[in-house]
């Protein structure tokens, strides 16, 4: 009686064609994973740059507001 692992229909020696097909399918799969990883890295970099630029703009505006003449106090009269 054959076990669950041994199938009557399975071929114990894989043909060269099937191993080539599985290798190319594996390569295509890894290329897809690499493309998704690259796209994710680019999107993350763009988001970080946007956030950093927006933060720098806010800091520059805050620094300009602190040094503007309208907000400075008038000298006290003696």
PDB file of N, CA and C in Angstrom:
ATOM      1  N   UNK A   1       0.844  -1.180   0.000  1.00  0.00           N
ATOM      2  CA  UNK A   1       0.000   0.000   0.000  1.00  0.00           C
ATOM      3  C   UNK A   1       0.890   1.243   0.000  1.00  0.00           C
ATOM      4  N   UNK A   2       0.698   2.142  -0.954  1.00  0.00           N
ATOM      5  CA  UNK A   2       1.533   3.341  -1.016  1.00  0.00           C
ATOM      6  C   UNK A   2       1.142   4.330   0.082  1.00  0.00           C
ATOM      7  N   UNK A   3       2.128   5.055   0.558  1.00  0.00           N
ATOM      8  CA  UNK A   3       1.860   6.065   1.587  1.00  0.00           C
ATOM      9  C   UNK A   3       1.342   7.347   0.933  1.00  0.00           C
ATOM     10  N   UNK A   4       0.945   8.301   1.774  1.00  0.00           N
ATOM     11  CA  UNK A   4       0.445   9.574   1.247  1.00  0.00           C
ATOM     12  C   UNK A   4       1.535  10.343   0.506  1.00  0.00           C
ATOM     13  N   UNK A   5       2.775  10.124   0.900  1.00  0.00           N
ATOM     14  CA  UNK A   5       3.874  10.839   0.263  1.00  0.00           C
ATOM     15  C   UNK A   5       4.238  10.240  -1.090  1.00  0.00           C
ATOM     16  N   UNK A   6       4.018   8.956  -1.256  1.00  0.00           N
ATOM     17  CA  UNK A   6       4.324   8.279  -2.513  1.00  0.00           C
ATOM     18  C   UNK A   6       3.052   8.151  -3.332  1.00  0.00           C
ATOM     19  N   UNK A   7       3.026   8.794  -4.438  1.00  0.00           N
ATOM     20  CA  UNK A   7       1.871   8.722  -5.309  1.00  0.00           C
ATOM     21  C   UNK A   7       2.193   7.824  -6.490  1.00  0.00           C
ATOM     22  N   UNK A   8       1.218   7.079  -6.932  1.00  0.00           N
ATOM     23  CA  UNK A   8       1.402   6.194  -8.074  1.00  0.00           C
ATOM     24  C   UNK A   8       1.604   7.023  -9.330  1.00  0.00           C
ATOM     25  N   UNK A   9       0.980   8.193  -9.382  1.00  0.00           N
ATOM     26  CA  UNK A   9       1.055   9.018 -10.580  1.00  0.00           C
ATOM     27  C   UNK A   9       2.315   9.868 -10.635  1.00  0.00           C
ATOM     28  N   UNK A  10       3.017  10.028  -9.513  1.00  0.00           N
ATOM     29  CA  UNK A  10       4.184  10.904  -9.515  1.00  0.00           C
ATOM     30  C   UNK A  10       5.365  10.218 -10.172  1.00  0.00           C
ATOM     31  N   UNK A  11       6.204  10.988 -10.791  1.00  0.00           N
ATOM     32  CA  UNK A  11       7.394  10.484 -11.450  1.00  0.00           C
ATOM     33  C   UNK A  11       8.573  10.722 -10.510  1.00  0.00           C
ATOM     34  N   UNK A  12       9.294   9.701 -10.089  1.00  0.00           N
ATOM     35  CA  UNK A  12      10.383   9.899  -9.132  1.00  0.00           C
ATOM     36  C   UNK A  12      11.540  10.713  -9.691  1.00  0.00           C
ATOM     37  N   UNK A  13      11.736  10.725 -10.992  1.00  0.00           N
ATOM     38  CA  UNK A  13      12.806  11.524 -11.582  1.00  0.00           C
ATOM     39  C   UNK A  13      12.187  12.657 -12.384  1.00  0.00           C
ATOM     40  N   UNK A  14      12.389  13.893 -11.937  1.00  0.00           N
ATOM     41  CA  UNK A  14      11.807  15.008 -12.679  1.00  0.00           C
ATOM     42  C   UNK A  14      12.499  15.191 -14.021  1.00  0.00           C
ATOM     43  N   UNK A  15      11.730  15.593 -14.981  1.00  0.00           N
ATOM     44  CA  UNK A  15      12.290  15.826 -16.305  1.00  0.00           C
ATOM     45  C   UNK A  15      13.044  17.152 -16.307  1.00  0.00           C
ATOM     46  N   UNK A  16      14.033  17.302 -17.184  1.00  0.00           N
ATOM     47  CA  UNK A  16      14.786  18.559 -17.244  1.00  0.00           C
ATOM     48  C   UNK A  16      13.892  19.755 -17.562  1.00  0.00           C
ATOM     49  N   UNK A  17      12.865  19.549 -18.333  1.00  0.00           N
ATOM     50  CA  UNK A  17      11.962  20.642 -18.701  1.00  0.00           C
ATOM     51  C   UNK A  17      11.234  21.181 -17.475  1.00  0.00           C
ATOM     52  N   UNK A  18      10.754  20.289 -16.574  1.00  0.00           N
ATOM     53  CA  UNK A  18      10.001  20.751 -15.403  1.00  0.00           C
ATOM     54  C   UNK A  18      10.897  21.484 -14.419  1.00  0.00           C
ATOM     55  N   UNK A  19      12.158  21.082 -14.283  1.00  0.00           N
ATOM     56  CA  UNK A  19      13.064  21.789 -13.379  1.00  0.00           C
ATOM     57  C   UNK A  19      13.410  23.170 -13.938  1.00  0.00           C
ATOM     58  N   UNK A  20      13.522  23.296 -15.243  1.00  0.00           N
ATOM     59  CA  UNK A  20      13.781  24.590 -15.866  1.00  0.00           C
ATOM     60  C   UNK A  20      12.593  25.522 -15.692  1.00  0.00           C
ATOM     61  N   UNK A  21      11.387  24.975 -15.839  1.00  0.00           N
ATOM     62  CA  UNK A  21      10.183  25.782 -15.659  1.00  0.00           C
ATOM     63  C   UNK A  21      10.058  26.281 -14.224  1.00  0.00           C
ATOM     64  N   UNK A  22      10.351  25.416 -13.257  1.00  0.00           N
ATOM     65  CA  UNK A  22      10.236  25.841 -11.864  1.00  0.00           C
ATOM     66  C   UNK A  22      11.319  26.858 -11.506  1.00  0.00           C
ATOM     67  N   UNK A  23      12.498  26.723 -12.102  1.00  0.00           N
ATOM     68  CA  UNK A  23      13.568  27.690 -11.851  1.00  0.00           C
ATOM     69  C   UNK A  23      13.211  29.051 -12.427  1.00  0.00           C
ATOM     70  N   UNK A  24      12.641  29.081 -13.630  1.00  0.00           N
ATOM     71  CA  UNK A  24      12.267  30.369 -14.228  1.00  0.00           C
ATOM     72  C   UNK A  24      11.080  30.975 -13.484  1.00  0.00           C
ATOM     73  N   UNK A  25      10.174  30.131 -12.986  1.00  0.00           N
ATOM     74  CA  UNK A  25       9.051  30.645 -12.208  1.00  0.00           C
ATOM     75  C   UNK A  25       9.546  31.227 -10.892  1.00  0.00           C
ATOM     76  N   UNK A  26      10.540  30.589 -10.290  1.00  0.00           N
ATOM     77  CA  UNK A  26      11.132  31.115  -9.055  1.00  0.00           C
ATOM     78  C   UNK A  26      11.839  32.437  -9.296  1.00  0.00           C
ATOM     79  N   UNK A  27      12.530  32.544 -10.425  1.00  0.00           N
ATOM     80  CA  UNK A  27      13.223  33.784 -10.765  1.00  0.00           C
ATOM     81  C   UNK A  27      12.227  34.921 -10.984  1.00  0.00           C
ATOM     82  N   UNK A  28      11.148  34.624 -11.681  1.00  0.00           N
ATOM     83  CA  UNK A  28      10.121  35.641 -11.919  1.00  0.00           C
ATOM     84  C   UNK A  28       9.491  36.075 -10.601  1.00  0.00           C
ATOM     85  N   UNK A  29       9.273  35.118  -9.712  1.00  0.00           N
ATOM     86  CA  UNK A  29       8.709  35.448  -8.400  1.00  0.00           C
ATOM     87  C   UNK A  29       9.620  36.373  -7.615  1.00  0.00           C
ATOM     88  N   UNK A  30      10.922  36.082  -7.632  1.00  0.00           N
ATOM     89  CA  UNK A  30      11.859  36.939  -6.903  1.00  0.00           C
ATOM     90  C   UNK A  30      11.989  38.315  -7.557  1.00  0.00           C
ATOM     91  N   UNK A  31      11.870  38.366  -8.874  1.00  0.00           N
ATOM     92  CA  UNK A  31      11.891  39.666  -9.547  1.00  0.00           C
ATOM     93  C   UNK A  31      10.691  40.512  -9.131  1.00  0.00           C
ATOM     94  N   UNK A  32       9.537  39.879  -8.988  1.00  0.00           N
ATOM     95  CA  UNK A  32       8.344  40.599  -8.535  1.00  0.00           C
ATOM     96  C   UNK A  32       8.524  41.104  -7.111  1.00  0.00           C
ATOM     97  N   UNK A  33       9.073  40.271  -6.251  1.00  0.00           N
ATOM     98  CA  UNK A  33       9.321  40.685  -4.863  1.00  0.00           C
ATOM     99  C   UNK A  33      10.298  41.858  -4.840  1.00  0.00           C
ATOM    100  N   UNK A  34      11.329  41.791  -5.653  1.00  0.00           N
ATOM    101  CA  UNK A  34      12.301  42.883  -5.724  1.00  0.00           C
ATOM    102  C   UNK A  34      11.687  44.166  -6.237  1.00  0.00           C
ATOM    103  N   UNK A  35      10.799  44.045  -7.226  1.00  0.00           N
ATOM    104  CA  UNK A  35      10.138  45.240  -7.772  1.00  0.00           C
ATOM    105  C   UNK A  35       9.224  45.875  -6.731  1.00  0.00           C
ATOM    106  N   UNK A  36       8.502  45.058  -5.985  1.00  0.00           N
ATOM    107  CA  UNK A  36       7.630  45.595  -4.936  1.00  0.00           C
ATOM    108  C   UNK A  36       8.461  46.250  -3.843  1.00  0.00           C
ATOM    109  N   UNK A  37       9.576  45.639  -3.471  1.00  0.00           N
ATOM    110  CA  UNK A  37      10.450  46.211  -2.449  1.00  0.00           C
ATOM    111  C   UNK A  37      11.044  47.542  -2.915  1.00  0.00           C
ATOM    112  N   UNK A  38      11.448  47.616  -4.166  1.00  0.00           N
ATOM    113  CA  UNK A  38      12.007  48.857  -4.701  1.00  0.00           C
ATOM    114  C   UNK A  38      10.954  49.958  -4.744  1.00  0.00           C
ATOM    115  N   UNK A  39       9.751  49.621  -5.179  1.00  0.00           N
ATOM    116  CA  UNK A  39       8.673  50.615  -5.220  1.00  0.00           C
ATOM    117  C   UNK A  39       8.328  51.098  -3.814  1.00  0.00           C
ATOM    118  N   UNK A  40       8.336  50.200  -2.862  1.00  0.00           N
ATOM    119  CA  UNK A  40       8.057  50.572  -1.478  1.00  0.00           C
ATOM    120  C   UNK A  40       9.143  51.500  -0.934  1.00  0.00           C
ATOM    121  N   UNK A  41      10.378  51.209  -1.249  1.00  0.00           N
ATOM    122  CA  UNK A  41      11.487  52.059  -0.793  1.00  0.00           C
ATOM    123  C   UNK A  41      11.399  53.456  -1.406  1.00  0.00           C
ATOM    124  N   UNK A  42      11.063  53.535  -2.673  1.00  0.00           N
ATOM    125  CA  UNK A  42      10.926  54.837  -3.335  1.00  0.00           C
ATOM    126  C   UNK A  42       9.771  55.625  -2.717  1.00  0.00           C
ATOM    127  N   UNK A  43       8.646  54.958  -2.502  1.00  0.00           N
ATOM    128  CA  UNK A  43       7.492  55.642  -1.904  1.00  0.00           C
ATOM    129  C   UNK A  43       7.810  56.116  -0.493  1.00  0.00           C
ATOM    130  N   UNK A  44       8.492  55.309   0.267  1.00  0.00           N
ATOM    131  CA  UNK A  44       8.884  55.706   1.619  1.00  0.00           C
ATOM    132  C   UNK A  44       9.855  56.874   1.614  1.00  0.00           C
ATOM    133  N   UNK A  45      10.776  56.857   0.685  1.00  0.00           N
ATOM    134  CA  UNK A  45      11.728  57.966   0.563  1.00  0.00           C
ATOM    135  C   UNK A  45      11.046  59.268   0.185  1.00  0.00           C
ATOM    136  N   UNK A  46      10.095  59.191  -0.732  1.00  0.00           N
ATOM    137  CA  UNK A  46       9.347  60.390  -1.122  1.00  0.00           C
ATOM    138  C   UNK A  46       8.517  60.925   0.038  1.00  0.00           C
ATOM    139  N   UNK A  47       7.902  60.027   0.793  1.00  0.00           N
ATOM    140  CA  UNK A  47       7.108  60.457   1.956  1.00  0.00           C
ATOM    141  C   UNK A  47       7.997  61.105   3.003  1.00  0.00           C
ATOM    142  N   UNK A  48       9.166  60.542   3.241  1.00  0.00           N
ATOM    143  CA  UNK A  48      10.090  61.116   4.220  1.00  0.00           C
ATOM    144  C   UNK A  48      10.590  62.481   3.763  1.00  0.00           C
ATOM    145  N   UNK A  49      10.907  62.610   2.493  1.00  0.00           N
ATOM    146  CA  UNK A  49      11.371  63.899   1.967  1.00  0.00           C
ATOM    147  C   UNK A  49      10.282  64.952   2.067  1.00  0.00           C
ATOM    148  N   UNK A  50       9.043  64.588   1.769  1.00  0.00           N
ATOM    149  CA  UNK A  50       7.927  65.531   1.871  1.00  0.00           C
ATOM    150  C   UNK A  50       7.740  65.974   3.315  1.00  0.00           C
ATOM    151  N   UNK A  51       7.774  65.028   4.236  1.00  0.00           N
ATOM    152  CA  UNK A  51       7.602  65.355   5.647  1.00  0.00           C
ATOM    153  C   UNK A  51       8.746  66.248   6.137  1.00  0.00           C
ATOM    154  N   UNK A  52       9.979  65.920   5.756  1.00  0.00           N
ATOM    155  CA  UNK A  52      11.146  66.686   6.169  1.00  0.00           C
ATOM    156  C   UNK A  52      11.081  68.106   5.609  1.00  0.00           C
ATOM    157  N   UNK A  53      10.686  68.240   4.351  1.00  0.00           N
ATOM    158  CA  UNK A  53      10.593  69.567   3.732  1.00  0.00           C
ATOM    159  C   UNK A  53       9.515  70.409   4.412  1.00  0.00           C
ATOM    160  N   UNK A  54       8.370  69.782   4.693  1.00  0.00           N
ATOM    161  CA  UNK A  54       7.281  70.494   5.348  1.00  0.00           C
ATOM    162  C   UNK A  54       7.701  70.938   6.751  1.00  0.00           C
ATOM    163  N   UNK A  55       8.415  70.081   7.472  1.00  0.00           N
ATOM    164  CA  UNK A  55       8.882  70.419   8.809  1.00  0.00           C
ATOM    165  C   UNK A  55       9.890  71.561   8.754  1.00  0.00           C
ATOM    166  N   UNK A  56      10.812  71.526   7.798  1.00  0.00           N
ATOM    167  CA  UNK A  56      11.794  72.611   7.668  1.00  0.00           C
ATOM    168  C   UNK A  56      11.118  73.941   7.344  1.00  0.00           C
ATOM    169  N   UNK A  57      10.093  73.902   6.501  1.00  0.00           N
ATOM    170  CA  UNK A  57       9.363  75.126   6.162  1.00  0.00           C
ATOM    171  C   UNK A  57       8.692  75.712   7.406  1.00  0.00           C
ATOM    172  N   UNK A  58       8.090  74.858   8.220  1.00  0.00           N
ATOM    173  CA  UNK A  58       7.448  75.333   9.451  1.00  0.00           C
ATOM    174  C   UNK A  58       8.469  75.913  10.414  1.00  0.00           C
ATOM    175  N   UNK A  59       9.618  75.266  10.538  1.00  0.00           N
ATOM    176  CA  UNK A  59      10.661  75.779  11.432  1.00  0.00           C
ATOM    177  C   UNK A  59      11.208  77.119  10.941  1.00  0.00           C
ATOM    178  N   UNK A  60      11.384  77.268   9.641  1.00  0.00           N
ATOM    179  CA  UNK A  60      11.877  78.533   9.097  1.00  0.00           C
ATOM    180  C   UNK A  60      10.861  79.642   9.320  1.00  0.00           C
ATOM    181  N   UNK A  61       9.567  79.336   9.139  1.00  0.00           N
ATOM    182  CA  UNK A  61       8.537  80.340   9.380  1.00  0.00           C
ATOM    183  C   UNK A  61       8.490  80.734  10.849  1.00  0.00           C
ATOM    184  N   UNK A  62       8.662  79.788  11.730  1.00  0.00           N
ATOM    185  CA  UNK A  62       8.662  80.082  13.164  1.00  0.00           C
ATOM    186  C   UNK A  62       9.867  80.937  13.528  1.00  0.00           C
ATOM    187  N   UNK A  63      11.014  80.672  12.925  1.00  0.00           N
ATOM    188  CA  UNK A  63      12.211  81.461  13.197  1.00  0.00           C
ATOM    189  C   UNK A  63      12.045  82.881  12.666  1.00  0.00           C
ATOM    190  N   UNK A  64      11.425  83.032  11.502  1.00  0.00           N
ATOM    191  CA  UNK A  64      11.187  84.365  10.944  1.00  0.00           C
ATOM    192  C   UNK A  64      10.197  85.143  11.797  1.00  0.00           C
ATOM    193  N   UNK A  65       9.193  84.472  12.324  1.00  0.00           N
ATOM    194  CA  UNK A  65       8.208  85.137  13.169  1.00  0.00           C
ATOM    195  C   UNK A  65       8.832  85.616  14.471  1.00  0.00           C
ATOM    196  N   UNK A  66       9.791  84.883  15.004  1.00  0.00           N
ATOM    197  CA  UNK A  66      10.454  85.275  16.247  1.00  0.00           C
ATOM    198  C   UNK A  66      11.334  86.503  16.046  1.00  0.00           C
ATOM    199  N   UNK A  67      11.886  86.683  14.871  1.00  0.00           N
ATOM    200  CA  UNK A  67      12.803  87.782  14.609  1.00  0.00           C
ATOM    201  C   UNK A  67      12.163  88.940  13.847  1.00  0.00           C
ATOM    202  N   UNK A  68      10.865  88.908  13.666  1.00  0.00           N
ATOM    203  CA  UNK A  68      10.229  89.981  12.911  1.00  0.00           C
ATOM    204  C   UNK A  68      10.111  91.234  13.783  1.00  0.00           C
ATOM    205  N   UNK A  69      10.212  92.415  13.185  1.00  0.00           N
ATOM    206  CA  UNK A  69      10.179  93.657  13.966  1.00  0.00           C
ATOM    207  C   UNK A  69       8.807  93.939  14.592  1.00  0.00           C
ATOM    208  N   UNK A  70       7.742  93.402  14.038  1.00  0.00           N
ATOM    209  CA  UNK A  70       6.424  93.663  14.599  1.00  0.00           C
ATOM    210  C   UNK A  70       6.267  93.036  15.980  1.00  0.00           C
ATOM    211  N   UNK A  71       6.940  91.956  16.227  1.00  0.00           N
ATOM    212  CA  UNK A  71       6.775  91.269  17.501  1.00  0.00           C
ATOM    213  C   UNK A  71       7.767  91.745  18.553  1.00  0.00           C
ATOM    214  N   UNK A  72       8.732  92.576  18.153  1.00  0.00           N
ATOM    215  CA  UNK A  72       9.696  93.036  19.141  1.00  0.00           C
ATOM    216  C   UNK A  72       9.066  94.113  20.018  1.00  0.00           C
ATOM    217  N   UNK A  73       9.520  94.204  21.248  1.00  0.00           N
ATOM    218  CA  UNK A  73       8.971  95.176  22.187  1.00  0.00           C
ATOM    219  C   UNK A  73       9.636  96.533  22.000  1.00  0.00           C
ATOM    220  N   UNK A  74       8.883  97.565  22.237  1.00  0.00           N
ATOM    221  CA  UNK A  74       9.430  98.922  22.117  1.00  0.00           C
ATOM    222  C   UNK A  74      10.322  99.206  23.332  1.00  0.00           C
ATOM    223  N   UNK A  75      11.354 100.006  23.124  1.00  0.00           N
ATOM    224  CA  UNK A  75      12.220 100.319  24.275  1.00  0.00           C
ATOM    225  C   UNK A  75      11.439 101.132  25.317  1.00  0.00           C
ATOM    226  N   UNK A  76      11.754 100.879  26.547  1.00  0.00           N
ATOM    227  CA  UNK A  76      11.050 101.571  27.632  1.00  0.00           C
ATOM    228  C   UNK A  76      11.519 103.012  27.746  1.00  0.00           C
ATOM    229  N   UNK A  77      10.569 103.892  28.062  1.00  0.00           N
ATOM    230  CA  UNK A  77      10.910 105.305  28.248  1.00  0.00           C
ATOM    231  C   UNK A  77      11.432 105.492  29.675  1.00  0.00           C
ATOM    232  N   UNK A  78      12.441 106.372  29.809  1.00  0.00           N
ATOM    233  CA  UNK A  78      12.969 106.656  31.145  1.00  0.00           C
ATOM    234  C   UNK A  78      12.143 107.655  31.867  1.00  0.00           C
TER     235      UNK A  78
END
